[in-house]
Amino acid sequence: MLVDKNRYFWLIWSIIFFIFLWLASDILLPFVVGVIIAYILNPSLLKLKKLGLGHKLSVSILLLISFVIFVGTFLFLVPLFIEQFSNLIEKMPAVFDNNFNFVLTYLNKLIPNNYNDSEYSEILYNLLIKESEKIIFAIISILQSAIKSGIAFINVLGLLIITPIVSWYILSDWDKLIEFVKNLVPKNDIKKLTSIMKQSDSIVSSFFRGQLTVSVILAAYYFASLLLIGTDGAFVIGLSIGILSFIPYIGSILGLLIALSITGMQFASLNITMIVIIIFIIGQLIESYYLVPKYIGKNVGLHPVIIILSLMAGGSIFGILGVLLSVPIVAILFSFIPKNSN
């Protein structure tokens, strides 16, 4: 009978948690980001405390240093990203003109010559220019709607103000929070809860700290590699791939397509295309056989298909919040499924 009561306890709290997450997903983002930042910074906090600094002082120093680094990085990277992205947009008409004869020659070989060059020009203009304009205007319209939305304003304000406060309290009062959670749980389940929390902490920390490290290394690798061959917008491509790297394979494939599109228009060279493909093959090998095993390890232990499905389902139901939390939650759930000893 006691076992049934405990099961009902966990079931009820699980249902309450997911209902709350669903209803409040639009305003919870700053709090979740604050917790994630606290997880990422916790190892550095432990090192500061070993130097003999007090707990509160260590937290304050760590968050101050992190804030300065974040602001400095933001002020450096964002203008660089905007500049390179703007340059890409400005150069596109010239790039199209420079490679137009190459495209026309290829089309004449590929398709029976039912059109003359002027007709091909009109078709390509409609496809490349007019459709691009429609896409750009659609994106601008979506961004304007998002900016005007009250929820978007709350999230931006929350990320700037609430997130650092949440991180400070999480790092400062972690032990008190653990005790508070334990007091909510039936005494017979405290040992089980402690085990669950330790295992969950290992999974969550491995995912967020490891994924951040992997993303930064991959962004630097692709940026440097594409810059060496003279690719326009190498920083934009590298940063995009780093951000997308948490999606197994899909992030790399999208990055490859973007890089091939830009280098194809810029150089119109088969040799450059092959070099770009080799760069991405090497990057995928480094990610799969070195970075992921070293920095994320077996603690997450999810098949790439499960990760993709988790991200899609989480994003569909809970939005950005679901994308952030889906993989750790699914990894924690899978960790408690009995493993086959064989």
C-alpha atoms as a PDB file:
ATOM      1  CA  MET A   1       0.000   0.000   0.000  1.00  0.00           C
ATOM      2  CA  LEU A   2       2.919   2.311   0.840  1.00  0.00           C
ATOM      3  CA  VAL A   3       4.458   1.616  -2.576  1.00  0.00           C
ATOM      4  CA  ASP A   4       1.203   2.609  -4.279  1.00  0.00           C
ATOM      5  CA  LYS A   5       1.069   5.867  -2.304  1.00  0.00           C
ATOM      6  CA  ASN A   6       4.642   6.699  -3.287  1.00  0.00           C
ATOM      7  CA  ARG A   7       3.865   5.978  -6.927  1.00  0.00           C
ATOM      8  CA  TYR A   8       0.844   8.247  -6.787  1.00  0.00           C
ATOM      9  CA  PHE A   9       3.017  10.939  -5.181  1.00  0.00           C
ATOM     10  CA  TRP A  10       5.539  10.870  -8.038  1.00  0.00           C
ATOM     11  CA  LEU A  11       2.829  10.596 -10.687  1.00  0.00           C
ATOM     12  CA  ILE A  12       0.911  13.604  -9.341  1.00  0.00           C
ATOM     13  CA  TRP A  13       4.040  15.757  -9.074  1.00  0.00           C
ATOM     14  CA  SER A  14       5.136  14.743 -12.594  1.00  0.00           C
ATOM     15  CA  ILE A  15       1.745  15.730 -14.020  1.00  0.00           C
ATOM     16  CA  ILE A  16       1.803  19.046 -12.134  1.00  0.00           C
ATOM     17  CA  PHE A  17       5.342  19.741 -13.385  1.00  0.00           C
ATOM     18  CA  PHE A  18       4.511  19.174 -17.074  1.00  0.00           C
ATOM     19  CA  ILE A  19       1.246  21.123 -16.881  1.00  0.00           C
ATOM     20  CA  PHE A  20       3.099  24.023 -15.261  1.00  0.00           C
ATOM     21  CA  LEU A  21       5.853  23.793 -17.876  1.00  0.00           C
ATOM     22  CA  TRP A  22       3.299  23.869 -20.683  1.00  0.00           C
ATOM     23  CA  LEU A  23       1.282  26.776 -19.270  1.00  0.00           C
ATOM     24  CA  ALA A  24       4.262  28.912 -18.246  1.00  0.00           C
ATOM     25  CA  SER A  25       6.721  28.011 -21.024  1.00  0.00           C
ATOM     26  CA  ASP A  26       6.643  31.538 -22.484  1.00  0.00           C
ATOM     27  CA  ILE A  27       7.877  33.190 -19.271  1.00  0.00           C
ATOM     28  CA  LEU A  28      10.115  30.432 -17.859  1.00  0.00           C
ATOM     29  CA  LEU A  29      12.955  30.888 -20.358  1.00  0.00           C
ATOM     30  CA  PRO A  30      15.011  33.361 -18.233  1.00  0.00           C
ATOM     31  CA  PHE A  31      14.761  31.049 -15.208  1.00  0.00           C
ATOM     32  CA  VAL A  32      15.834  27.969 -17.179  1.00  0.00           C
ATOM     33  CA  VAL A  33      18.739  29.849 -18.784  1.00  0.00           C
ATOM     34  CA  GLY A  34      19.750  31.032 -15.304  1.00  0.00           C
ATOM     35  CA  VAL A  35      19.834  27.435 -14.042  1.00  0.00           C
ATOM     36  CA  ILE A  36      21.837  26.321 -17.105  1.00  0.00           C
ATOM     37  CA  ILE A  37      24.394  29.101 -16.541  1.00  0.00           C
ATOM     38  CA  ALA A  38      24.676  28.050 -12.885  1.00  0.00           C
ATOM     39  CA  TYR A  39      25.375  24.465 -13.991  1.00  0.00           C
ATOM     40  CA  ILE A  40      28.051  25.606 -16.428  1.00  0.00           C
ATOM     41  CA  LEU A  41      29.759  27.869 -13.853  1.00  0.00           C
ATOM     42  CA  ASN A  42      29.619  25.489 -10.879  1.00  0.00           C
ATOM     43  CA  PRO A  43      33.054  23.811 -11.515  1.00  0.00           C
ATOM     44  CA  SER A  44      34.688  27.261 -11.637  1.00  0.00           C
ATOM     45  CA  LEU A  45      32.929  28.165  -8.375  1.00  0.00           C
ATOM     46  CA  LEU A  46      34.419  25.109  -6.662  1.00  0.00           C
ATOM     47  CA  LYS A  47      37.911  26.114  -7.850  1.00  0.00           C
ATOM     48  CA  LEU A  48      37.473  29.650  -6.495  1.00  0.00           C
ATOM     49  CA  LYS A  49      36.355  28.303  -3.112  1.00  0.00           C
ATOM     50  CA  LYS A  50      39.500  26.155  -2.938  1.00  0.00           C
ATOM     51  CA  LEU A  51      41.515  29.382  -3.033  1.00  0.00           C
ATOM     52  CA  GLY A  52      40.058  30.243   0.369  1.00  0.00           C
ATOM     53  CA  LEU A  53      37.422  32.726  -0.738  1.00  0.00           C
ATOM     54  CA  GLY A  54      34.019  32.687   0.943  1.00  0.00           C
ATOM     55  CA  HIS A  55      31.081  31.093  -0.841  1.00  0.00           C
ATOM     56  CA  LYS A  56      29.089  34.296  -1.461  1.00  0.00           C
ATOM     57  CA  LEU A  57      32.215  36.231  -2.480  1.00  0.00           C
ATOM     58  CA  SER A  58      33.228  33.450  -4.898  1.00  0.00           C
ATOM     59  CA  VAL A  59      29.769  33.497  -6.492  1.00  0.00           C
ATOM     60  CA  SER A  60      29.827  37.289  -6.857  1.00  0.00           C
ATOM     61  CA  ILE A  61      33.329  37.335  -8.391  1.00  0.00           C
ATOM     62  CA  LEU A  62      32.488  34.483 -10.767  1.00  0.00           C
ATOM     63  CA  LEU A  63      29.277  36.086 -12.024  1.00  0.00           C
ATOM     64  CA  LEU A  64      30.977  39.483 -12.405  1.00  0.00           C
ATOM     65  CA  ILE A  65      33.805  37.969 -14.479  1.00  0.00           C
ATOM     66  CA  SER A  66      31.273  35.981 -16.533  1.00  0.00           C
ATOM     67  CA  PHE A  67      29.207  39.119 -17.143  1.00  0.00           C
ATOM     68  CA  VAL A  68      32.255  41.096 -18.317  1.00  0.00           C
ATOM     69  CA  ILE A  69      33.310  38.254 -20.647  1.00  0.00           C
ATOM     70  CA  PHE A  70      29.766  37.900 -22.004  1.00  0.00           C
ATOM     71  CA  VAL A  71      29.332  41.636 -22.652  1.00  0.00           C
ATOM     72  CA  GLY A  72      32.792  41.904 -24.233  1.00  0.00           C
ATOM     73  CA  THR A  73      32.166  38.889 -26.453  1.00  0.00           C
ATOM     74  CA  PHE A  74      28.710  40.177 -27.380  1.00  0.00           C
ATOM     75  CA  LEU A  75      30.022  43.630 -28.296  1.00  0.00           C
ATOM     76  CA  PHE A  76      32.766  42.059 -30.437  1.00  0.00           C
ATOM     77  CA  LEU A  77      30.938  39.161 -32.108  1.00  0.00           C
ATOM     78  CA  VAL A  78      27.532  40.689 -32.863  1.00  0.00           C
ATOM     79  CA  PRO A  79      28.874  43.655 -34.907  1.00  0.00           C
ATOM     80  CA  LEU A  80      31.233  41.243 -36.716  1.00  0.00           C
ATOM     81  CA  PHE A  81      28.342  38.882 -37.478  1.00  0.00           C
ATOM     82  CA  ILE A  82      26.131  41.737 -38.734  1.00  0.00           C
ATOM     83  CA  GLU A  83      28.975  43.181 -40.834  1.00  0.00           C
ATOM     84  CA  GLN A  84      29.777  39.861 -42.533  1.00  0.00           C
ATOM     85  CA  PHE A  85      26.112  39.015 -43.058  1.00  0.00           C
ATOM     86  CA  SER A  86      25.474  42.473 -44.570  1.00  0.00           C
ATOM     87  CA  ASN A  87      28.518  42.092 -46.833  1.00  0.00           C
ATOM     88  CA  LEU A  88      27.199  38.743 -48.055  1.00  0.00           C
ATOM     89  CA  ILE A  89      23.834  40.295 -48.917  1.00  0.00           C
ATOM     90  CA  GLU A  90      25.497  43.258 -50.668  1.00  0.00           C
ATOM     91  CA  LYS A  91      27.822  41.025 -52.700  1.00  0.00           C
ATOM     92  CA  MET A  92      25.111  38.630 -53.877  1.00  0.00           C
ATOM     93  CA  PRO A  93      24.069  40.644 -56.991  1.00  0.00           C
ATOM     94  CA  ALA A  94      27.714  41.036 -58.071  1.00  0.00           C
ATOM     95  CA  VAL A  95      28.376  37.352 -57.417  1.00  0.00           C
ATOM     96  CA  PHE A  96      25.347  36.406 -59.508  1.00  0.00           C
ATOM     97  CA  ASP A  97      26.580  38.632 -62.353  1.00  0.00           C
ATOM     98  CA  ASN A  98      30.130  37.226 -62.209  1.00  0.00           C
ATOM     99  CA  ASN A  99      28.913  33.640 -62.359  1.00  0.00           C
ATOM    100  CA  PHE A 100      25.974  34.172 -64.682  1.00  0.00           C
ATOM    101  CA  ASN A 101      27.745  33.008 -67.839  1.00  0.00           C
ATOM    102  CA  PHE A 102      28.931  29.893 -66.019  1.00  0.00           C
ATOM    103  CA  VAL A 103      25.354  29.083 -64.959  1.00  0.00           C
ATOM    104  CA  LEU A 104      23.968  29.707 -68.458  1.00  0.00           C
ATOM    105  CA  THR A 105      26.584  27.450 -70.034  1.00  0.00           C
ATOM    106  CA  TYR A 106      25.795  24.700 -67.531  1.00  0.00           C
ATOM    107  CA  LEU A 107      22.044  25.029 -68.137  1.00  0.00           C
ATOM    108  CA  ASN A 108      22.513  24.830 -71.900  1.00  0.00           C
ATOM    109  CA  LYS A 109      24.394  21.559 -71.458  1.00  0.00           C
ATOM    110  CA  LEU A 110      21.959  20.177 -68.912  1.00  0.00           C
ATOM    111  CA  ILE A 111      18.672  21.170 -70.566  1.00  0.00           C
ATOM    112  CA  PRO A 112      17.759  21.001 -74.274  1.00  0.00           C
ATOM    113  CA  ASN A 113      18.341  24.427 -75.784  1.00  0.00           C
ATOM    114  CA  ASN A 114      14.741  25.616 -75.976  1.00  0.00           C
ATOM    115  CA  TYR A 115      15.553  29.011 -74.443  1.00  0.00           C
ATOM    116  CA  ASN A 116      17.936  31.739 -75.454  1.00  0.00           C
ATOM    117  CA  ASP A 117      20.221  33.521 -72.976  1.00  0.00           C
ATOM    118  CA  SER A 118      17.820  36.395 -72.351  1.00  0.00           C
ATOM    119  CA  GLU A 119      15.003  33.975 -71.498  1.00  0.00           C
ATOM    120  CA  TYR A 120      17.302  32.051 -69.155  1.00  0.00           C
ATOM    121  CA  SER A 121      18.275  35.376 -67.573  1.00  0.00           C
ATOM    122  CA  GLU A 122      14.659  36.262 -66.899  1.00  0.00           C
ATOM    123  CA  ILE A 123      13.928  32.834 -65.390  1.00  0.00           C
ATOM    124  CA  LEU A 124      16.975  32.983 -63.118  1.00  0.00           C
ATOM    125  CA  TYR A 125      16.198  36.553 -62.109  1.00  0.00           C
ATOM    126  CA  ASN A 126      12.701  35.548 -61.040  1.00  0.00           C
ATOM    127  CA  LEU A 127      13.992  32.560 -59.104  1.00  0.00           C
ATOM    128  CA  LEU A 128      17.014  34.129 -57.427  1.00  0.00           C
ATOM    129  CA  ILE A 129      15.999  37.739 -56.905  1.00  0.00           C
ATOM    130  CA  LYS A 130      12.241  37.953 -56.647  1.00  0.00           C
ATOM    131  CA  GLU A 131      11.876  34.823 -54.517  1.00  0.00           C
ATOM    132  CA  SER A 132      14.762  35.926 -52.294  1.00  0.00           C
ATOM    133  CA  GLU A 133      13.039  39.251 -51.743  1.00  0.00           C
ATOM    134  CA  LYS A 134       9.845  37.472 -50.709  1.00  0.00           C
ATOM    135  CA  ILE A 135      11.743  35.327 -48.204  1.00  0.00           C
ATOM    136  CA  ILE A 136      13.595  38.341 -46.751  1.00  0.00           C
ATOM    137  CA  PHE A 137      10.380  40.350 -46.371  1.00  0.00           C
ATOM    138  CA  ALA A 138       8.689  37.348 -44.726  1.00  0.00           C
ATOM    139  CA  ILE A 139      11.551  37.023 -42.223  1.00  0.00           C
ATOM    140  CA  ILE A 140      11.439  40.760 -41.462  1.00  0.00           C
ATOM    141  CA  SER A 141       7.670  40.545 -40.930  1.00  0.00           C
ATOM    142  CA  ILE A 142       8.071  37.632 -38.503  1.00  0.00           C
ATOM    143  CA  LEU A 143      10.797  39.466 -36.571  1.00  0.00           C
ATOM    144  CA  GLN A 144       8.678  42.618 -36.356  1.00  0.00           C
ATOM    145  CA  SER A 145       5.741  40.609 -35.003  1.00  0.00           C
ATOM    146  CA  ALA A 146       8.001  38.945 -32.443  1.00  0.00           C
ATOM    147  CA  ILE A 147       9.439  42.278 -31.307  1.00  0.00           C
ATOM    148  CA  LYS A 148       5.957  43.759 -30.915  1.00  0.00           C
ATOM    149  CA  SER A 149       4.820  40.769 -28.872  1.00  0.00           C
ATOM    150  CA  GLY A 150       4.603  41.397 -25.135  1.00  0.00           C
ATOM    151  CA  ILE A 151       5.925  37.905 -24.409  1.00  0.00           C
ATOM    152  CA  ALA A 152       9.025  38.557 -26.523  1.00  0.00           C
ATOM    153  CA  PHE A 153       9.627  41.795 -24.603  1.00  0.00           C
ATOM    154  CA  ILE A 154       9.238  39.964 -21.277  1.00  0.00           C
ATOM    155  CA  ASN A 155      11.684  37.250 -22.387  1.00  0.00           C
ATOM    156  CA  VAL A 156      14.323  39.757 -23.525  1.00  0.00           C
ATOM    157  CA  LEU A 157      13.923  41.789 -20.340  1.00  0.00           C
ATOM    158  CA  GLY A 158      13.988  38.604 -18.292  1.00  0.00           C
ATOM    159  CA  LEU A 159      17.133  37.298 -19.968  1.00  0.00           C
ATOM    160  CA  LEU A 160      18.910  40.567 -19.185  1.00  0.00           C
ATOM    161  CA  ILE A 161      17.692  41.025 -15.607  1.00  0.00           C
ATOM    162  CA  ILE A 162      16.188  37.818 -14.201  1.00  0.00           C
ATOM    163  CA  THR A 163      18.761  35.340 -15.577  1.00  0.00           C
ATOM    164  CA  PRO A 164      21.791  36.721 -13.637  1.00  0.00           C
ATOM    165  CA  ILE A 165      19.692  36.920 -10.453  1.00  0.00           C
ATOM    166  CA  VAL A 166      18.536  33.304 -10.837  1.00  0.00           C
ATOM    167  CA  SER A 167      22.115  32.162 -11.492  1.00  0.00           C
ATOM    168  CA  TRP A 168      23.332  33.999  -8.385  1.00  0.00           C
ATOM    169  CA  TYR A 169      20.698  32.434  -6.119  1.00  0.00           C
ATOM    170  CA  ILE A 170      21.179  28.946  -7.582  1.00  0.00           C
ATOM    171  CA  LEU A 171      24.945  29.103  -7.052  1.00  0.00           C
ATOM    172  CA  SER A 172      24.586  30.704  -3.609  1.00  0.00           C
ATOM    173  CA  ASP A 173      21.821  28.546  -2.149  1.00  0.00           C
ATOM    174  CA  TRP A 174      22.172  25.219  -3.979  1.00  0.00           C
ATOM    175  CA  ASP A 175      22.439  23.174  -0.775  1.00  0.00           C
ATOM    176  CA  LYS A 176      19.382  24.918   0.692  1.00  0.00           C
ATOM    177  CA  LEU A 177      17.399  24.190  -2.466  1.00  0.00           C
ATOM    178  CA  ILE A 178      18.338  20.506  -2.279  1.00  0.00           C
ATOM    179  CA  GLU A 179      17.174  20.340   1.332  1.00  0.00           C
ATOM    180  CA  PHE A 180      13.928  22.102   0.406  1.00  0.00           C
ATOM    181  CA  VAL A 181      13.215  19.511  -2.303  1.00  0.00           C
ATOM    182  CA  LYS A 182      14.037  16.651   0.071  1.00  0.00           C
ATOM    183  CA  ASN A 183      11.551  17.995   2.616  1.00  0.00           C
ATOM    184  CA  LEU A 184       8.788  17.716  -0.001  1.00  0.00           C
ATOM    185  CA  VAL A 185       9.489  14.030  -0.585  1.00  0.00           C
ATOM    186  CA  PRO A 186       8.240  11.105   1.556  1.00  0.00           C
ATOM    187  CA  LYS A 187      10.991   9.888   3.902  1.00  0.00           C
ATOM    188  CA  ASN A 188      10.986   6.416   2.362  1.00  0.00           C
ATOM    189  CA  ASP A 189      11.930   7.923  -1.004  1.00  0.00           C
ATOM    190  CA  ILE A 190      14.768  10.217   0.127  1.00  0.00           C
ATOM    191  CA  LYS A 191      17.519   7.683  -0.698  1.00  0.00           C
ATOM    192  CA  LYS A 192      15.971   7.060  -4.092  1.00  0.00           C
ATOM    193  CA  LEU A 193      15.643  10.816  -4.663  1.00  0.00           C
ATOM    194  CA  THR A 194      19.303  11.378  -3.729  1.00  0.00           C
ATOM    195  CA  SER A 195      20.359   8.723  -6.240  1.00  0.00           C
ATOM    196  CA  ILE A 196      18.121  10.220  -8.927  1.00  0.00           C
ATOM    197  CA  MET A 197      19.446  13.726  -8.287  1.00  0.00           C
ATOM    198  CA  LYS A 198      23.088  12.612  -8.465  1.00  0.00           C
ATOM    199  CA  GLN A 199      22.505  10.763 -11.719  1.00  0.00           C
ATOM    200  CA  SER A 200      20.458  13.641 -13.139  1.00  0.00           C
ATOM    201  CA  ASP A 201      23.144  16.147 -12.132  1.00  0.00           C
ATOM    202  CA  SER A 202      25.771  14.083 -13.950  1.00  0.00           C
ATOM    203  CA  ILE A 203      23.654  13.914 -17.121  1.00  0.00           C
ATOM    204  CA  VAL A 204      22.603  17.576 -17.147  1.00  0.00           C
ATOM    205  CA  SER A 205      26.092  18.908 -16.396  1.00  0.00           C
ATOM    206  CA  SER A 206      27.651  16.637 -19.042  1.00  0.00           C
ATOM    207  CA  PHE A 207      25.156  17.802 -21.640  1.00  0.00           C
ATOM    208  CA  PHE A 208      25.241  21.568 -21.091  1.00  0.00           C
ATOM    209  CA  ARG A 209      28.935  22.008 -20.229  1.00  0.00           C
ATOM    210  CA  GLY A 210      30.030  19.485 -22.827  1.00  0.00           C
ATOM    211  CA  GLN A 211      27.788  20.809 -25.584  1.00  0.00           C
ATOM    212  CA  LEU A 212      28.958  24.377 -24.994  1.00  0.00           C
ATOM    213  CA  THR A 213      32.593  23.270 -25.304  1.00  0.00           C
ATOM    214  CA  VAL A 214      31.891  21.224 -28.447  1.00  0.00           C
ATOM    215  CA  SER A 215      29.974  24.117 -30.049  1.00  0.00           C
ATOM    216  CA  VAL A 216      32.769  26.637 -29.399  1.00  0.00           C
ATOM    217  CA  ILE A 217      35.484  24.310 -30.761  1.00  0.00           C
ATOM    218  CA  LEU A 218      33.481  23.460 -33.898  1.00  0.00           C
ATOM    219  CA  ALA A 219      32.640  27.119 -34.551  1.00  0.00           C
ATOM    220  CA  ALA A 220      36.351  28.021 -34.293  1.00  0.00           C
ATOM    221  CA  TYR A 221      37.389  25.090 -36.532  1.00  0.00           C
ATOM    222  CA  TYR A 222      34.944  25.855 -39.347  1.00  0.00           C
ATOM    223  CA  PHE A 223      35.594  29.600 -39.141  1.00  0.00           C
ATOM    224  CA  ALA A 224      39.382  29.133 -39.383  1.00  0.00           C
ATOM    225  CA  SER A 225      39.158  26.493 -42.140  1.00  0.00           C
ATOM    226  CA  LEU A 226      36.769  28.486 -44.341  1.00  0.00           C
ATOM    227  CA  LEU A 227      38.730  31.694 -43.715  1.00  0.00           C
ATOM    228  CA  LEU A 228      41.923  30.002 -44.970  1.00  0.00           C
ATOM    229  CA  ILE A 229      40.334  29.338 -48.375  1.00  0.00           C
ATOM    230  CA  GLY A 230      39.025  32.913 -48.528  1.00  0.00           C
ATOM    231  CA  THR A 231      35.317  32.252 -48.003  1.00  0.00           C
ATOM    232  CA  ASP A 232      33.152  35.347 -47.625  1.00  0.00           C
ATOM    233  CA  GLY A 233      31.207  35.255 -44.371  1.00  0.00           C
ATOM    234  CA  ALA A 234      33.416  32.557 -42.817  1.00  0.00           C
ATOM    235  CA  PHE A 235      32.577  33.830 -39.334  1.00  0.00           C
ATOM    236  CA  VAL A 236      28.818  33.743 -40.021  1.00  0.00           C
ATOM    237  CA  ILE A 237      29.049  30.157 -41.295  1.00  0.00           C
ATOM    238  CA  GLY A 238      31.301  28.986 -38.439  1.00  0.00           C
ATOM    239  CA  LEU A 239      29.117  30.544 -35.752  1.00  0.00           C
ATOM    240  CA  SER A 240      25.960  29.113 -37.336  1.00  0.00           C
ATOM    241  CA  ILE A 241      27.452  25.616 -37.408  1.00  0.00           C
ATOM    242  CA  GLY A 242      28.553  25.937 -33.781  1.00  0.00           C
ATOM    243  CA  ILE A 243      25.037  26.920 -32.710  1.00  0.00           C
ATOM    244  CA  LEU A 244      23.435  24.134 -34.782  1.00  0.00           C
ATOM    245  CA  SER A 245      25.899  21.461 -33.624  1.00  0.00           C
ATOM    246  CA  PHE A 246      23.597  20.309 -30.800  1.00  0.00           C
ATOM    247  CA  ILE A 247      21.387  18.737 -33.517  1.00  0.00           C
ATOM    248  CA  PRO A 248      23.222  15.536 -34.570  1.00  0.00           C
ATOM    249  CA  TYR A 249      24.123  15.418 -38.282  1.00  0.00           C
ATOM    250  CA  ILE A 250      21.417  17.918 -39.279  1.00  0.00           C
ATOM    251  CA  GLY A 251      23.485  20.835 -37.975  1.00  0.00           C
ATOM    252  CA  SER A 252      26.515  19.723 -40.005  1.00  0.00           C
ATOM    253  CA  ILE A 253      24.434  19.052 -43.131  1.00  0.00           C
ATOM    254  CA  LEU A 254      22.812  22.503 -42.976  1.00  0.00           C
ATOM    255  CA  GLY A 255      26.223  24.086 -42.420  1.00  0.00           C
ATOM    256  CA  LEU A 256      27.656  22.192 -45.397  1.00  0.00           C
ATOM    257  CA  LEU A 257      24.798  23.308 -47.650  1.00  0.00           C
ATOM    258  CA  ILE A 258      25.247  26.946 -46.589  1.00  0.00           C
ATOM    259  CA  ALA A 259      29.026  26.778 -47.120  1.00  0.00           C
ATOM    260  CA  LEU A 260      28.668  25.088 -50.521  1.00  0.00           C
ATOM    261  CA  SER A 261      26.101  27.666 -51.633  1.00  0.00           C
ATOM    262  CA  ILE A 262      28.305  30.620 -50.670  1.00  0.00           C
ATOM    263  CA  THR A 263      31.593  29.189 -51.978  1.00  0.00           C
ATOM    264  CA  GLY A 264      29.860  27.927 -55.124  1.00  0.00           C
ATOM    265  CA  MET A 265      28.604  31.412 -55.956  1.00  0.00           C
ATOM    266  CA  GLN A 266      31.864  33.066 -54.877  1.00  0.00           C
ATOM    267  CA  PHE A 267      34.398  30.809 -56.637  1.00  0.00           C
ATOM    268  CA  ALA A 268      32.428  28.603 -59.091  1.00  0.00           C
ATOM    269  CA  SER A 269      35.288  26.108 -58.699  1.00  0.00           C
ATOM    270  CA  LEU A 270      35.069  22.335 -58.369  1.00  0.00           C
ATOM    271  CA  ASN A 271      38.385  22.287 -56.472  1.00  0.00           C
ATOM    272  CA  ILE A 272      37.056  24.691 -53.816  1.00  0.00           C
ATOM    273  CA  THR A 273      33.861  22.635 -53.557  1.00  0.00           C
ATOM    274  CA  MET A 274      35.902  19.477 -52.887  1.00  0.00           C
ATOM    275  CA  ILE A 275      38.003  21.314 -50.271  1.00  0.00           C
ATOM    276  CA  VAL A 276      34.834  22.476 -48.478  1.00  0.00           C
ATOM    277  CA  ILE A 277      33.462  18.917 -48.470  1.00  0.00           C
ATOM    278  CA  ILE A 278      36.769  17.611 -47.048  1.00  0.00           C
ATOM    279  CA  ILE A 279      36.692  20.321 -44.343  1.00  0.00           C
ATOM    280  CA  PHE A 280      33.243  19.152 -43.260  1.00  0.00           C
ATOM    281  CA  ILE A 281      34.149  15.451 -43.366  1.00  0.00           C
ATOM    282  CA  ILE A 282      37.145  16.134 -41.096  1.00  0.00           C
ATOM    283  CA  GLY A 283      34.947  18.272 -38.821  1.00  0.00           C
ATOM    284  CA  GLN A 284      32.349  15.505 -38.553  1.00  0.00           C
ATOM    285  CA  LEU A 285      35.046  12.932 -37.706  1.00  0.00           C
ATOM    286  CA  ILE A 286      36.550  15.212 -35.040  1.00  0.00           C
ATOM    287  CA  GLU A 287      33.106  15.832 -33.545  1.00  0.00           C
ATOM    288  CA  SER A 288      31.965  12.191 -33.563  1.00  0.00           C
ATOM    289  CA  TYR A 289      35.164  10.429 -32.493  1.00  0.00           C
ATOM    290  CA  TYR A 290      36.873  12.978 -30.254  1.00  0.00           C
ATOM    291  CA  LEU A 291      34.808  15.957 -29.076  1.00  0.00           C
ATOM    292  CA  VAL A 292      31.544  14.209 -28.174  1.00  0.00           C
ATOM    293  CA  PRO A 293      33.192  11.229 -26.375  1.00  0.00           C
ATOM    294  CA  LYS A 294      35.602  13.537 -24.508  1.00  0.00           C
ATOM    295  CA  TYR A 295      33.324  16.413 -23.466  1.00  0.00           C
ATOM    296  CA  ILE A 296      29.843  14.885 -23.404  1.00  0.00           C
ATOM    297  CA  GLY A 297      30.778  11.262 -22.835  1.00  0.00           C
ATOM    298  CA  LYS A 298      28.453   8.346 -22.183  1.00  0.00           C
ATOM    299  CA  ASN A 299      26.442  10.101 -19.473  1.00  0.00           C
ATOM    300  CA  VAL A 300      23.914  11.431 -21.991  1.00  0.00           C
ATOM    301  CA  GLY A 301      24.034   8.218 -24.002  1.00  0.00           C
ATOM    302  CA  LEU A 302      21.178   8.902 -26.430  1.00  0.00           C
ATOM    303  CA  HIS A 303      21.019   7.733 -30.029  1.00  0.00           C
ATOM    304  CA  PRO A 304      21.135  10.667 -32.499  1.00  0.00           C
ATOM    305  CA  VAL A 305      17.633   9.803 -33.759  1.00  0.00           C
ATOM    306  CA  ILE A 306      16.282  10.040 -30.182  1.00  0.00           C
ATOM    307  CA  ILE A 307      18.000  13.418 -29.738  1.00  0.00           C
ATOM    308  CA  ILE A 308      16.497  14.787 -32.974  1.00  0.00           C
ATOM    309  CA  LEU A 309      13.043  13.464 -32.050  1.00  0.00           C
ATOM    310  CA  SER A 310      13.348  14.949 -28.542  1.00  0.00           C
ATOM    311  CA  LEU A 311      14.326  18.364 -29.914  1.00  0.00           C
ATOM    312  CA  MET A 312      11.461  18.364 -32.423  1.00  0.00           C
ATOM    313  CA  ALA A 313       8.873  17.244 -29.867  1.00  0.00           C
ATOM    314  CA  GLY A 314      10.142  19.603 -27.164  1.00  0.00           C
ATOM    315  CA  GLY A 315      10.258  22.553 -29.542  1.00  0.00           C
ATOM    316  CA  SER A 316       6.793  21.797 -30.905  1.00  0.00           C
ATOM    317  CA  ILE A 317       5.159  21.589 -27.461  1.00  0.00           C
ATOM    318  CA  PHE A 318       7.175  24.022 -25.321  1.00  0.00           C
ATOM    319  CA  GLY A 319       9.000  26.237 -27.855  1.00  0.00           C
ATOM    320  CA  ILE A 320      12.566  27.380 -27.071  1.00  0.00           C
ATOM    321  CA  LEU A 321      12.180  26.082 -23.524  1.00  0.00           C
ATOM    322  CA  GLY A 322      11.437  22.611 -24.889  1.00  0.00           C
ATOM    323  CA  VAL A 323      14.501  22.714 -27.134  1.00  0.00           C
ATOM    324  CA  LEU A 324      16.713  23.523 -24.119  1.00  0.00           C
ATOM    325  CA  LEU A 325      15.233  20.927 -21.763  1.00  0.00           C
ATOM    326  CA  SER A 326      14.110  18.063 -24.011  1.00  0.00           C
ATOM    327  CA  VAL A 327      17.434  16.229 -24.398  1.00  0.00           C
ATOM    328  CA  PRO A 328      18.450  16.302 -20.684  1.00  0.00           C
ATOM    329  CA  ILE A 329      14.941  15.224 -19.582  1.00  0.00           C
ATOM    330  CA  VAL A 330      14.810  12.350 -22.088  1.00  0.00           C
ATOM    331  CA  ALA A 331      18.373  11.312 -21.151  1.00  0.00           C
ATOM    332  CA  ILE A 332      17.392  11.226 -17.463  1.00  0.00           C
ATOM    333  CA  LEU A 333      14.284   9.139 -18.226  1.00  0.00           C
ATOM    334  CA  PHE A 334      16.289   6.708 -20.371  1.00  0.00           C
ATOM    335  CA  SER A 335      18.931   6.356 -17.648  1.00  0.00           C
ATOM    336  CA  PHE A 336      16.377   4.690 -15.362  1.00  0.00           C
ATOM    337  CA  ILE A 337      15.298   2.092 -17.917  1.00  0.00           C
ATOM    338  CA  PRO A 338      16.827  -1.261 -16.874  1.00  0.00           C
ATOM    339  CA  LYS A 339      19.776  -2.094 -19.107  1.00  0.00           C
ATOM    340  CA  ASN A 340      20.318  -5.549 -20.588  1.00  0.00           C
ATOM    341  CA  SER A 341      23.376  -7.003 -18.876  1.00  0.00           C
ATOM    342  CA  ASN A 342      24.311  -8.832 -22.059  1.00  0.00           C
END
